[in-house]
Protein backbone atom coordinates (compact mmCIF):
# COMPACT_ATOMS: atom_id res chain seq x y z
CA MET A 1 1.98 -26.67 21.31
CA LYS A 2 -1.41 -27.34 22.63
CA ASN A 3 -3.38 -24.45 24.03
CA GLN A 4 -1.36 -21.81 22.17
CA LYS A 5 -3.05 -18.52 21.84
CA TYR A 6 -2.42 -16.21 18.89
CA ILE A 7 -3.06 -12.53 19.12
CA ASP A 8 -3.50 -10.55 15.88
CA LEU A 9 -1.61 -7.23 16.26
CA SER A 10 -2.12 -6.09 12.69
CA HIS A 11 -4.10 -3.01 11.81
CA THR A 12 -5.36 -1.37 8.63
CA ILE A 13 -3.09 1.25 7.14
CA GLN A 14 -4.92 4.02 5.39
CA ASP A 15 -3.81 7.27 3.72
CA GLY A 16 -3.45 10.02 6.29
CA ILE A 17 -4.31 7.89 9.33
CA ILE A 18 -1.64 8.07 12.03
CA PRO A 19 -0.71 4.41 12.88
CA TYR A 20 1.05 5.16 16.16
CA LYS A 21 1.32 8.32 18.20
CA GLY A 22 4.49 10.18 17.22
CA LEU A 23 4.87 8.57 13.80
CA PRO A 24 3.92 10.34 10.59
CA ALA A 25 0.78 9.37 8.74
CA PRO A 26 1.40 7.29 5.61
CA ILE A 27 0.80 8.78 2.14
CA ILE A 28 -0.66 6.16 -0.15
CA CYS A 29 -0.69 7.17 -3.77
CA ASP A 30 0.16 6.08 -7.32
CA TYR A 31 3.84 5.77 -8.15
CA LEU A 32 3.01 4.99 -11.76
CA SER A 33 -0.60 5.09 -13.03
CA ARG A 34 -2.06 2.94 -15.77
CA GLU A 35 -2.31 6.00 -17.97
CA GLU A 36 1.35 6.98 -17.44
CA SER A 37 2.57 3.37 -17.96
CA ARG A 38 0.96 3.32 -21.44
CA LYS A 39 3.29 6.15 -22.44
CA HIS A 40 6.47 4.15 -21.66
CA TYR A 41 5.71 0.56 -22.63
CA GLU A 42 4.58 -1.34 -25.72
CA GLU A 43 1.01 -0.98 -26.96
CA GLY A 44 -1.37 -3.07 -24.92
CA THR A 45 0.85 -2.94 -21.82
CA GLU A 46 -0.48 -1.14 -18.81
CA PHE A 47 -0.13 -1.50 -15.05
CA GLN A 48 -0.28 0.46 -11.81
CA ILE A 49 2.38 0.70 -9.12
CA GLU A 50 1.43 2.32 -5.79
CA LYS A 51 3.66 3.59 -3.02
């Protein structure tokens, strides 16, 4: 295991940026906002879920 070389192939995913030619650009947005979560859960409970 000596002299192993690791290559980082990760990249940043951003809204509207095409990650690879031929693939659609991702859409990053709220699935459930903090404001909307307050309407559905007990008082004092709020959270955000993104998709």
